[in-house]
N, C-alpha and C. Protein backbone atom coordinates (compact mmCIF):
# COMPACT_ATOMS: atom_id res chain seq x y z
N UNK A 1 41.91 59.44 -5.57
CA UNK A 1 42.24 59.16 -6.96
C UNK A 1 41.39 57.99 -7.43
N UNK A 2 40.98 58.07 -8.68
CA UNK A 2 40.22 56.98 -9.28
C UNK A 2 41.12 56.20 -10.22
N UNK A 3 40.74 54.96 -10.49
CA UNK A 3 41.52 54.11 -11.38
C UNK A 3 41.70 54.77 -12.74
N UNK A 4 40.67 55.46 -13.24
CA UNK A 4 40.76 56.13 -14.54
C UNK A 4 41.86 57.18 -14.57
N UNK A 5 42.17 57.78 -13.41
CA UNK A 5 43.20 58.81 -13.36
C UNK A 5 44.56 58.27 -13.83
N UNK A 6 44.78 56.99 -13.63
CA UNK A 6 46.05 56.39 -14.03
C UNK A 6 46.16 56.30 -15.56
N UNK A 7 45.05 56.33 -16.24
CA UNK A 7 45.03 56.24 -17.70
C UNK A 7 44.85 57.61 -18.35
N UNK A 8 44.95 58.69 -17.57
CA UNK A 8 44.75 60.01 -18.12
C UNK A 8 43.29 60.37 -18.30
N UNK A 9 42.41 59.59 -17.70
CA UNK A 9 40.97 59.83 -17.79
C UNK A 9 40.45 60.23 -16.42
N UNK A 10 39.34 60.93 -16.43
CA UNK A 10 38.64 61.26 -15.19
C UNK A 10 37.14 61.26 -15.50
N UNK A 11 36.33 61.23 -14.48
CA UNK A 11 34.89 61.18 -14.65
C UNK A 11 34.28 62.46 -14.12
N UNK A 12 33.39 63.05 -14.91
CA UNK A 12 32.63 64.21 -14.48
C UNK A 12 31.16 63.84 -14.51
N UNK A 13 30.32 64.68 -13.92
CA UNK A 13 28.88 64.44 -13.96
C UNK A 13 28.22 65.54 -14.77
N UNK A 14 27.39 65.12 -15.72
CA UNK A 14 26.63 66.07 -16.53
C UNK A 14 25.16 65.68 -16.44
N UNK A 15 24.37 66.51 -15.78
CA UNK A 15 22.93 66.26 -15.60
C UNK A 15 22.67 64.89 -14.99
N UNK A 16 23.47 64.53 -13.98
CA UNK A 16 23.29 63.28 -13.26
C UNK A 16 23.94 62.07 -13.91
N UNK A 17 24.48 62.22 -15.09
CA UNK A 17 25.12 61.12 -15.82
C UNK A 17 26.63 61.24 -15.74
N UNK A 18 27.30 60.13 -15.41
CA UNK A 18 28.75 60.14 -15.36
C UNK A 18 29.32 60.06 -16.78
N UNK A 19 30.28 60.94 -17.06
CA UNK A 19 30.90 61.00 -18.38
C UNK A 19 32.41 60.93 -18.20
N UNK A 20 33.06 60.05 -18.96
CA UNK A 20 34.52 59.92 -18.90
C UNK A 20 35.14 60.90 -19.89
N UNK A 21 36.12 61.66 -19.41
CA UNK A 21 36.82 62.64 -20.25
C UNK A 21 38.33 62.48 -20.02
N UNK A 22 39.11 62.99 -20.94
CA UNK A 22 40.56 63.02 -20.75
C UNK A 22 40.90 64.11 -19.75
N UNK A 23 41.73 63.79 -18.79
CA UNK A 23 42.10 64.76 -17.75
C UNK A 23 42.77 65.99 -18.33
N UNK A 24 43.42 65.84 -19.49
CA UNK A 24 44.14 66.96 -20.09
C UNK A 24 43.29 67.79 -21.06
N UNK A 25 42.02 67.40 -21.27
CA UNK A 25 41.14 68.14 -22.18
C UNK A 25 40.75 69.51 -21.62
N UNK A 26 40.44 70.43 -22.52
CA UNK A 26 39.96 71.75 -22.14
C UNK A 26 38.57 71.65 -21.51
N UNK A 27 38.41 72.16 -20.30
CA UNK A 27 37.12 72.12 -19.61
C UNK A 27 36.07 72.89 -20.40
N UNK A 28 36.40 74.10 -20.77
CA UNK A 28 35.43 74.96 -21.47
C UNK A 28 34.95 74.33 -22.77
N UNK A 29 35.88 73.90 -23.61
CA UNK A 29 35.51 73.32 -24.91
C UNK A 29 34.74 72.02 -24.77
N UNK A 30 35.18 71.16 -23.84
CA UNK A 30 34.53 69.87 -23.64
C UNK A 30 33.12 70.05 -23.09
N UNK A 31 32.96 70.92 -22.09
CA UNK A 31 31.62 71.14 -21.54
C UNK A 31 30.69 71.74 -22.58
N UNK A 32 31.18 72.65 -23.37
CA UNK A 32 30.36 73.26 -24.42
C UNK A 32 29.86 72.18 -25.38
N UNK A 33 30.75 71.30 -25.80
CA UNK A 33 30.38 70.23 -26.72
C UNK A 33 29.36 69.28 -26.09
N UNK A 34 29.63 68.85 -24.85
CA UNK A 34 28.73 67.92 -24.18
C UNK A 34 27.34 68.52 -23.96
N UNK A 35 27.29 69.77 -23.55
CA UNK A 35 26.00 70.41 -23.31
C UNK A 35 25.21 70.59 -24.60
N UNK A 36 25.88 70.93 -25.68
CA UNK A 36 25.21 71.04 -26.98
C UNK A 36 24.68 69.69 -27.42
N UNK A 37 25.47 68.63 -27.24
CA UNK A 37 25.05 67.28 -27.62
C UNK A 37 23.81 66.84 -26.85
N UNK A 38 23.74 67.22 -25.58
CA UNK A 38 22.62 66.82 -24.73
C UNK A 38 21.45 67.79 -24.80
N UNK A 39 21.61 68.89 -25.52
CA UNK A 39 20.53 69.87 -25.65
C UNK A 39 20.26 70.64 -24.37
N UNK A 40 21.28 70.80 -23.54
CA UNK A 40 21.14 71.52 -22.28
C UNK A 40 21.61 72.95 -22.49
N UNK A 41 20.70 73.90 -22.28
CA UNK A 41 21.08 75.30 -22.48
C UNK A 41 20.99 76.14 -21.21
N UNK A 42 20.51 75.54 -20.15
CA UNK A 42 20.43 76.24 -18.87
C UNK A 42 21.01 75.31 -17.80
N UNK A 43 22.09 75.74 -17.15
CA UNK A 43 22.83 74.84 -16.27
C UNK A 43 23.63 75.60 -15.23
N UNK A 44 24.10 74.86 -14.24
CA UNK A 44 24.99 75.36 -13.21
C UNK A 44 26.23 74.48 -13.21
N UNK A 45 27.41 75.08 -13.15
CA UNK A 45 28.66 74.32 -13.12
C UNK A 45 29.27 74.41 -11.73
N UNK A 46 29.61 73.25 -11.18
CA UNK A 46 30.28 73.17 -9.89
C UNK A 46 31.69 72.65 -10.10
N UNK A 47 32.67 73.34 -9.56
CA UNK A 47 34.06 72.91 -9.60
C UNK A 47 34.52 72.74 -8.16
N UNK A 48 34.89 71.53 -7.82
CA UNK A 48 35.32 71.20 -6.46
C UNK A 48 34.26 71.64 -5.44
N UNK A 49 32.99 71.46 -5.81
CA UNK A 49 31.87 71.75 -4.91
C UNK A 49 31.39 73.18 -4.87
N UNK A 50 32.07 74.09 -5.56
CA UNK A 50 31.68 75.50 -5.55
C UNK A 50 31.13 75.91 -6.92
N UNK A 51 30.05 76.67 -6.91
CA UNK A 51 29.44 77.12 -8.15
C UNK A 51 30.35 78.12 -8.86
N UNK A 52 30.46 77.96 -10.17
CA UNK A 52 31.26 78.85 -10.99
C UNK A 52 30.29 79.78 -11.74
N UNK A 53 30.49 81.08 -11.57
CA UNK A 53 29.57 82.05 -12.16
C UNK A 53 30.00 82.49 -13.56
N UNK A 54 31.27 82.32 -13.90
CA UNK A 54 31.78 82.80 -15.18
C UNK A 54 32.70 81.75 -15.79
N UNK A 55 32.64 81.62 -17.11
CA UNK A 55 33.52 80.65 -17.77
C UNK A 55 34.99 81.00 -17.58
N UNK A 56 35.28 82.26 -17.32
CA UNK A 56 36.67 82.65 -17.08
C UNK A 56 37.21 82.07 -15.77
N UNK A 57 36.31 81.62 -14.89
CA UNK A 57 36.72 81.02 -13.62
C UNK A 57 36.90 79.50 -13.70
N UNK A 58 36.65 78.92 -14.88
CA UNK A 58 36.81 77.48 -15.04
C UNK A 58 38.29 77.13 -15.10
N UNK A 59 38.67 75.94 -14.58
CA UNK A 59 40.06 75.51 -14.72
C UNK A 59 40.35 75.20 -16.20
N UNK A 60 41.59 75.21 -16.58
CA UNK A 60 41.98 74.92 -17.96
C UNK A 60 41.66 73.48 -18.35
N UNK A 61 42.01 72.53 -17.44
CA UNK A 61 41.80 71.11 -17.73
C UNK A 61 41.04 70.45 -16.58
N UNK A 62 40.66 69.21 -16.79
CA UNK A 62 39.92 68.45 -15.78
C UNK A 62 40.82 67.87 -14.70
N UNK A 63 42.12 67.86 -14.91
CA UNK A 63 43.06 67.26 -13.97
C UNK A 63 42.93 67.90 -12.59
N UNK A 64 42.83 67.05 -11.58
CA UNK A 64 42.80 67.47 -10.17
C UNK A 64 41.57 68.29 -9.80
N UNK A 65 40.48 68.17 -10.56
CA UNK A 65 39.25 68.89 -10.24
C UNK A 65 38.05 67.97 -10.31
N UNK A 66 37.13 68.19 -9.41
CA UNK A 66 35.85 67.47 -9.44
C UNK A 66 34.85 68.42 -10.08
N UNK A 67 34.32 68.02 -11.23
CA UNK A 67 33.44 68.92 -11.98
C UNK A 67 32.08 68.26 -12.18
N UNK A 68 31.05 69.04 -11.93
CA UNK A 68 29.67 68.57 -12.11
C UNK A 68 28.87 69.68 -12.78
N UNK A 69 28.04 69.29 -13.74
CA UNK A 69 27.14 70.23 -14.40
C UNK A 69 25.72 69.78 -14.05
N UNK A 70 24.97 70.69 -13.45
CA UNK A 70 23.59 70.40 -13.09
C UNK A 70 22.66 71.18 -14.01
N UNK A 71 21.65 70.48 -14.50
CA UNK A 71 20.64 71.13 -15.33
C UNK A 71 19.88 72.12 -14.45
N UNK A 72 19.69 73.32 -14.95
CA UNK A 72 18.97 74.36 -14.21
C UNK A 72 17.55 74.39 -14.74
N UNK A 73 16.60 74.21 -13.83
CA UNK A 73 15.20 74.23 -14.21
C UNK A 73 14.53 75.34 -13.41
N UNK A 74 13.95 76.27 -14.13
CA UNK A 74 13.28 77.39 -13.49
C UNK A 74 11.94 76.93 -12.93
N UNK A 75 11.67 77.29 -11.69
CA UNK A 75 10.41 76.90 -11.05
C UNK A 75 9.24 77.63 -11.72
N UNK A 76 8.13 76.92 -11.79
CA UNK A 76 6.91 77.57 -12.31
C UNK A 76 6.57 77.03 -13.59
C-alpha cells in the first residue's frame, strides 16, 4: 500500500511518467483522457503486470490494481 492510497489516490505510470489518479475513477475513461492529452495513440496497457488486449478486460476502477501504459513504438 502507498501513502496516497489512504487519501483515495493511487499512482499509475503513463509512458514512464507517474500520474496520480483517484482510486475510484473509471480506468477506461481516465486512460482515454490521459492518452489524448499526451498525444499517445499507440500503446500497451499492463494491469497487475499482465498485458490487456481489450478494453473490456480493464478493471472498473484503479483501486487494488497496478496499472501502467507503455508507449508502443513500431520498429523500423
